[in-house]
Amino acid sequence: MLVSDLLWALLGGSGIALLGTWALPGHGDDAPLWLTVLCGIGGVVLGNLAYVSIFEPTTPGPDWWRHAWQVAGAVALVAAADLALVRRRRRSSAPPAGPEESRR
């Protein structure tokens, strides 16, 4: 991986994270911004790796399909993080499960 690839993952991942959040139904409001950015960076890396493993990595001009794969990776990671946070919050706000009060 080149230095330019890492810079693209950091800078592009931040912007793509916001696109990934916007593309989600409900706009992924449950995930904090730092987690969204980390998911965007991870989505860029995963989308890029998936694209390079399937298609020819060098094309002339802008490679729009690569960017589409990166956005899809960001959407998937932001959705997974959002779902995990929602489930965790529901579990922590639910009343404790235990035996019912004994009758007197």
N, C-alpha and C. Protein backbone atom coordinates (compact mmCIF):
# COMPACT_ATOMS: atom_id res chain seq x y z
N MET A 1 0.84 -1.17 0.00
CA MET A 1 0.00 0.00 0.00
C MET A 1 0.89 1.24 0.00
N LEU A 2 0.63 2.16 -0.87
CA LEU A 2 1.41 3.37 -1.00
C LEU A 2 0.96 4.43 0.00
N VAL A 3 1.81 5.43 0.19
CA VAL A 3 1.47 6.54 1.08
C VAL A 3 0.25 7.28 0.55
N SER A 4 0.15 7.42 -0.76
CA SER A 4 -1.02 8.09 -1.34
C SER A 4 -2.30 7.31 -1.06
N ASP A 5 -2.20 5.97 -1.03
CA ASP A 5 -3.37 5.16 -0.69
C ASP A 5 -3.81 5.40 0.75
N LEU A 6 -2.84 5.51 1.64
CA LEU A 6 -3.17 5.77 3.05
C LEU A 6 -3.77 7.17 3.24
N LEU A 7 -3.21 8.14 2.53
CA LEU A 7 -3.79 9.49 2.61
C LEU A 7 -5.21 9.52 2.06
N TRP A 8 -5.43 8.82 0.95
CA TRP A 8 -6.78 8.74 0.40
C TRP A 8 -7.72 8.05 1.39
N ALA A 9 -7.25 7.01 2.05
CA ALA A 9 -8.09 6.32 3.02
C ALA A 9 -8.48 7.25 4.17
N LEU A 10 -7.53 8.09 4.61
CA LEU A 10 -7.84 9.00 5.72
C LEU A 10 -8.74 10.15 5.29
N LEU A 11 -8.37 10.83 4.22
CA LEU A 11 -9.14 11.99 3.78
C LEU A 11 -10.44 11.57 3.09
N GLY A 12 -10.33 10.66 2.16
CA GLY A 12 -11.52 10.21 1.44
C GLY A 12 -12.47 9.45 2.34
N GLY A 13 -11.90 8.70 3.29
CA GLY A 13 -12.74 7.94 4.21
C GLY A 13 -13.62 8.82 5.08
N SER A 14 -13.11 9.98 5.43
CA SER A 14 -13.91 10.92 6.24
C SER A 14 -15.11 11.41 5.44
N GLY A 15 -14.88 11.81 4.20
CA GLY A 15 -15.99 12.26 3.36
C GLY A 15 -16.94 11.15 2.99
N ILE A 16 -16.39 9.99 2.68
CA ILE A 16 -17.24 8.85 2.31
C ILE A 16 -18.04 8.37 3.51
N ALA A 17 -17.50 8.53 4.72
CA ALA A 17 -18.25 8.16 5.93
C ALA A 17 -19.53 8.99 6.04
N LEU A 18 -19.41 10.26 5.76
CA LEU A 18 -20.60 11.11 5.81
C LEU A 18 -21.58 10.74 4.71
N LEU A 19 -21.08 10.37 3.53
CA LEU A 19 -21.97 9.88 2.47
C LEU A 19 -22.63 8.57 2.88
N GLY A 20 -21.85 7.69 3.52
CA GLY A 20 -22.40 6.43 3.98
C GLY A 20 -23.48 6.61 5.03
N THR A 21 -23.28 7.57 5.93
CA THR A 21 -24.29 7.86 6.94
C THR A 21 -25.54 8.44 6.30
N TRP A 22 -25.35 9.31 5.33
CA TRP A 22 -26.48 9.94 4.65
C TRP A 22 -27.29 8.91 3.86
N ALA A 23 -26.63 7.89 3.32
CA ALA A 23 -27.30 6.89 2.50
C ALA A 23 -28.11 5.90 3.33
N LEU A 24 -27.84 5.83 4.63
CA LEU A 24 -28.58 4.89 5.47
C LEU A 24 -29.99 5.38 5.76
N PRO A 25 -30.96 4.47 5.83
CA PRO A 25 -32.28 4.88 6.29
C PRO A 25 -32.19 5.34 7.74
N GLY A 26 -32.76 6.46 8.06
CA GLY A 26 -32.65 7.01 9.41
C GLY A 26 -31.36 7.77 9.61
N HIS A 27 -30.52 7.82 8.58
CA HIS A 27 -29.27 8.58 8.54
C HIS A 27 -28.27 8.18 9.61
N GLY A 28 -28.37 7.01 10.20
CA GLY A 28 -27.33 6.52 11.10
C GLY A 28 -27.04 7.45 12.26
N ASP A 29 -28.08 8.04 12.84
CA ASP A 29 -27.89 9.03 13.89
C ASP A 29 -27.36 8.45 15.20
N ASP A 30 -27.41 7.15 15.36
CA ASP A 30 -27.01 6.57 16.63
C ASP A 30 -25.50 6.46 16.79
N ALA A 31 -24.76 6.48 15.71
CA ALA A 31 -23.30 6.35 15.79
C ALA A 31 -22.67 7.73 15.95
N PRO A 32 -21.70 7.87 16.86
CA PRO A 32 -21.01 9.16 17.00
C PRO A 32 -20.14 9.44 15.77
N LEU A 33 -19.75 10.69 15.61
CA LEU A 33 -19.00 11.10 14.43
C LEU A 33 -17.66 10.38 14.32
N TRP A 34 -16.96 10.19 15.44
CA TRP A 34 -15.66 9.53 15.39
C TRP A 34 -15.79 8.10 14.90
N LEU A 35 -16.85 7.41 15.31
CA LEU A 35 -17.06 6.04 14.87
C LEU A 35 -17.45 6.00 13.39
N THR A 36 -18.22 6.99 12.96
CA THR A 36 -18.60 7.09 11.56
C THR A 36 -17.37 7.29 10.69
N VAL A 37 -16.46 8.16 11.12
CA VAL A 37 -15.24 8.41 10.35
C VAL A 37 -14.36 7.16 10.31
N LEU A 38 -14.22 6.46 11.43
CA LEU A 38 -13.45 5.22 11.43
C LEU A 38 -14.07 4.18 10.50
N CYS A 39 -15.39 4.10 10.49
CA CYS A 39 -16.06 3.17 9.58
C CYS A 39 -15.85 3.59 8.13
N GLY A 40 -15.84 4.87 7.87
CA GLY A 40 -15.57 5.36 6.52
C GLY A 40 -14.18 5.01 6.05
N ILE A 41 -13.20 5.18 6.92
CA ILE A 41 -11.82 4.83 6.58
C ILE A 41 -11.72 3.32 6.34
N GLY A 42 -12.33 2.55 7.21
CA GLY A 42 -12.33 1.10 7.02
C GLY A 42 -13.07 0.68 5.77
N GLY A 43 -14.16 1.38 5.45
CA GLY A 43 -14.92 1.08 4.23
C GLY A 43 -14.13 1.37 2.98
N VAL A 44 -13.34 2.46 3.02
CA VAL A 44 -12.48 2.78 1.87
C VAL A 44 -11.45 1.68 1.68
N VAL A 45 -10.83 1.26 2.76
CA VAL A 45 -9.80 0.22 2.66
C VAL A 45 -10.41 -1.10 2.19
N LEU A 46 -11.53 -1.51 2.81
CA LEU A 46 -12.16 -2.77 2.42
C LEU A 46 -12.71 -2.72 0.99
N GLY A 47 -13.34 -1.62 0.62
CA GLY A 47 -13.85 -1.48 -0.74
C GLY A 47 -12.75 -1.49 -1.77
N ASN A 48 -11.64 -0.84 -1.44
CA ASN A 48 -10.50 -0.83 -2.36
C ASN A 48 -9.90 -2.23 -2.51
N LEU A 49 -9.74 -2.94 -1.40
CA LEU A 49 -9.20 -4.30 -1.46
C LEU A 49 -10.13 -5.22 -2.25
N ALA A 50 -11.43 -5.10 -2.04
CA ALA A 50 -12.37 -5.93 -2.79
C ALA A 50 -12.33 -5.60 -4.28
N TYR A 51 -12.26 -4.33 -4.60
CA TYR A 51 -12.21 -3.92 -6.00
C TYR A 51 -10.95 -4.44 -6.69
N VAL A 52 -9.80 -4.27 -6.03
CA VAL A 52 -8.53 -4.69 -6.63
C VAL A 52 -8.48 -6.21 -6.79
N SER A 53 -9.10 -6.94 -5.88
CA SER A 53 -9.06 -8.40 -5.98
C SER A 53 -9.98 -8.92 -7.09
N ILE A 54 -10.97 -8.14 -7.51
CA ILE A 54 -11.91 -8.60 -8.52
C ILE A 54 -11.60 -8.01 -9.90
N PHE A 55 -11.26 -6.73 -9.95
CA PHE A 55 -11.07 -6.04 -11.23
C PHE A 55 -9.62 -5.65 -11.45
N GLU A 56 -9.33 -5.15 -12.64
CA GLU A 56 -8.00 -4.64 -12.98
C GLU A 56 -7.75 -3.36 -12.18
N PRO A 57 -6.68 -3.31 -11.38
CA PRO A 57 -6.48 -2.15 -10.50
C PRO A 57 -6.06 -0.87 -11.21
N THR A 58 -5.58 -0.93 -12.44
CA THR A 58 -5.14 0.28 -13.13
C THR A 58 -6.05 0.58 -14.31
N THR A 59 -6.67 1.71 -14.27
CA THR A 59 -7.51 2.17 -15.37
C THR A 59 -7.16 3.62 -15.66
N PRO A 60 -7.30 4.05 -16.92
CA PRO A 60 -7.00 5.45 -17.23
C PRO A 60 -8.11 6.36 -16.71
N GLY A 61 -7.75 7.48 -16.13
CA GLY A 61 -8.73 8.46 -15.64
C GLY A 61 -9.31 8.06 -14.30
N PRO A 62 -10.34 8.78 -13.89
CA PRO A 62 -10.96 8.47 -12.59
C PRO A 62 -11.64 7.10 -12.65
N ASP A 63 -11.49 6.37 -11.60
CA ASP A 63 -12.07 5.03 -11.53
C ASP A 63 -13.33 5.08 -10.67
N TRP A 64 -14.46 5.37 -11.27
CA TRP A 64 -15.70 5.58 -10.54
C TRP A 64 -16.22 4.31 -9.89
N TRP A 65 -15.95 3.16 -10.51
CA TRP A 65 -16.40 1.91 -9.90
C TRP A 65 -15.66 1.64 -8.59
N ARG A 66 -14.39 2.00 -8.54
CA ARG A 66 -13.64 1.84 -7.29
C ARG A 66 -14.27 2.69 -6.19
N HIS A 67 -14.65 3.91 -6.53
CA HIS A 67 -15.28 4.79 -5.53
C HIS A 67 -16.64 4.24 -5.09
N ALA A 68 -17.36 3.64 -6.03
CA ALA A 68 -18.65 3.04 -5.67
C ALA A 68 -18.44 1.89 -4.68
N TRP A 69 -17.42 1.09 -4.89
CA TRP A 69 -17.12 0.01 -3.96
C TRP A 69 -16.70 0.56 -2.60
N GLN A 70 -15.98 1.66 -2.60
CA GLN A 70 -15.56 2.27 -1.34
C GLN A 70 -16.76 2.83 -0.58
N VAL A 71 -17.67 3.47 -1.28
CA VAL A 71 -18.88 3.98 -0.63
C VAL A 71 -19.71 2.83 -0.09
N ALA A 72 -19.83 1.75 -0.86
CA ALA A 72 -20.59 0.58 -0.39
C ALA A 72 -19.95 -0.02 0.86
N GLY A 73 -18.63 -0.07 0.91
CA GLY A 73 -17.96 -0.56 2.12
C GLY A 73 -18.22 0.33 3.31
N ALA A 74 -18.20 1.65 3.09
CA ALA A 74 -18.47 2.58 4.18
C ALA A 74 -19.92 2.46 4.66
N VAL A 75 -20.85 2.32 3.73
CA VAL A 75 -22.26 2.16 4.11
C VAL A 75 -22.43 0.89 4.94
N ALA A 76 -21.79 -0.19 4.52
CA ALA A 76 -21.92 -1.45 5.24
C ALA A 76 -21.34 -1.34 6.65
N LEU A 77 -20.18 -0.72 6.79
CA LEU A 77 -19.57 -0.61 8.12
C LEU A 77 -20.33 0.37 9.02
N VAL A 78 -20.81 1.48 8.47
CA VAL A 78 -21.59 2.42 9.28
C VAL A 78 -22.91 1.77 9.71
N ALA A 79 -23.53 1.01 8.82
CA ALA A 79 -24.78 0.32 9.17
C ALA A 79 -24.54 -0.71 10.26
N ALA A 80 -23.44 -1.46 10.17
CA ALA A 80 -23.12 -2.46 11.19
C ALA A 80 -22.84 -1.79 12.54
N ALA A 81 -22.10 -0.70 12.53
CA ALA A 81 -21.80 0.01 13.78
C ALA A 81 -23.08 0.61 14.38
N ASP A 82 -23.92 1.17 13.53
CA ASP A 82 -25.17 1.76 14.00
C ASP A 82 -26.07 0.69 14.60
N LEU A 83 -26.17 -0.45 13.95
CA LEU A 83 -26.99 -1.54 14.45
C LEU A 83 -26.46 -2.07 15.78
N ALA A 84 -25.14 -2.19 15.89
CA ALA A 84 -24.55 -2.66 17.14
C ALA A 84 -24.82 -1.68 18.28
N LEU A 85 -24.74 -0.38 18.00
CA LEU A 85 -25.01 0.61 19.04
C LEU A 85 -26.47 0.60 19.47
N VAL A 86 -27.37 0.47 18.50
CA VAL A 86 -28.79 0.44 18.83
C VAL A 86 -29.11 -0.78 19.69
N ARG A 87 -28.58 -1.92 19.33
CA ARG A 87 -28.83 -3.14 20.11
C ARG A 87 -28.24 -3.03 21.52
N ARG A 88 -27.05 -2.45 21.61
CA ARG A 88 -26.42 -2.30 22.92
C ARG A 88 -27.21 -1.35 23.80
N ARG A 89 -27.71 -0.26 23.22
CA ARG A 89 -28.50 0.70 24.01
C ARG A 89 -29.83 0.11 24.43
N ARG A 90 -30.45 -0.67 23.55
CA ARG A 90 -31.71 -1.31 23.92
C ARG A 90 -31.50 -2.30 25.05
N ARG A 91 -30.40 -3.05 24.97
CA ARG A 91 -30.11 -4.05 26.00
C ARG A 91 -29.81 -3.38 27.33
N SER A 92 -29.09 -2.25 27.31
CA SER A 92 -28.73 -1.59 28.56
C SER A 92 -29.89 -0.81 29.16
N SER A 93 -30.87 -0.41 28.35
CA SER A 93 -32.01 0.33 28.88
C SER A 93 -33.17 -0.59 29.26
N ALA A 94 -33.09 -1.86 28.91
CA ALA A 94 -34.15 -2.81 29.26
C ALA A 94 -34.09 -3.11 30.75
N PRO A 95 -35.25 -3.38 31.35
CA PRO A 95 -35.23 -3.74 32.77
C PRO A 95 -34.49 -5.05 32.97
N PRO A 96 -33.85 -5.21 34.11
CA PRO A 96 -33.09 -6.45 34.34
C PRO A 96 -34.01 -7.66 34.35
N ALA A 97 -33.58 -8.69 33.67
CA ALA A 97 -34.37 -9.92 33.63
C ALA A 97 -34.10 -10.72 34.87
N GLY A 98 -35.11 -11.16 35.50
CA GLY A 98 -34.94 -11.95 36.72
C GLY A 98 -36.27 -12.56 37.11
N PRO A 99 -36.24 -13.32 38.16
CA PRO A 99 -37.51 -13.94 38.61
C PRO A 99 -38.49 -12.87 39.07
N GLU A 100 -39.74 -13.15 38.84
CA GLU A 100 -40.77 -12.21 39.27
C GLU A 100 -40.80 -12.14 40.79
N GLU A 101 -41.32 -11.03 41.28
CA GLU A 101 -41.36 -10.87 42.74
C GLU A 101 -42.21 -11.99 43.34
N SER A 102 -41.72 -12.52 44.43
CA SER A 102 -42.49 -13.58 45.08
C SER A 102 -43.69 -12.99 45.79
N ARG A 103 -44.75 -13.74 45.77
CA ARG A 103 -45.98 -13.27 46.44
C ARG A 103 -45.87 -13.45 47.93
N ARG A 104 -46.45 -12.53 48.68
CA ARG A 104 -46.39 -12.58 50.13
C ARG A 104 -47.55 -13.31 50.70
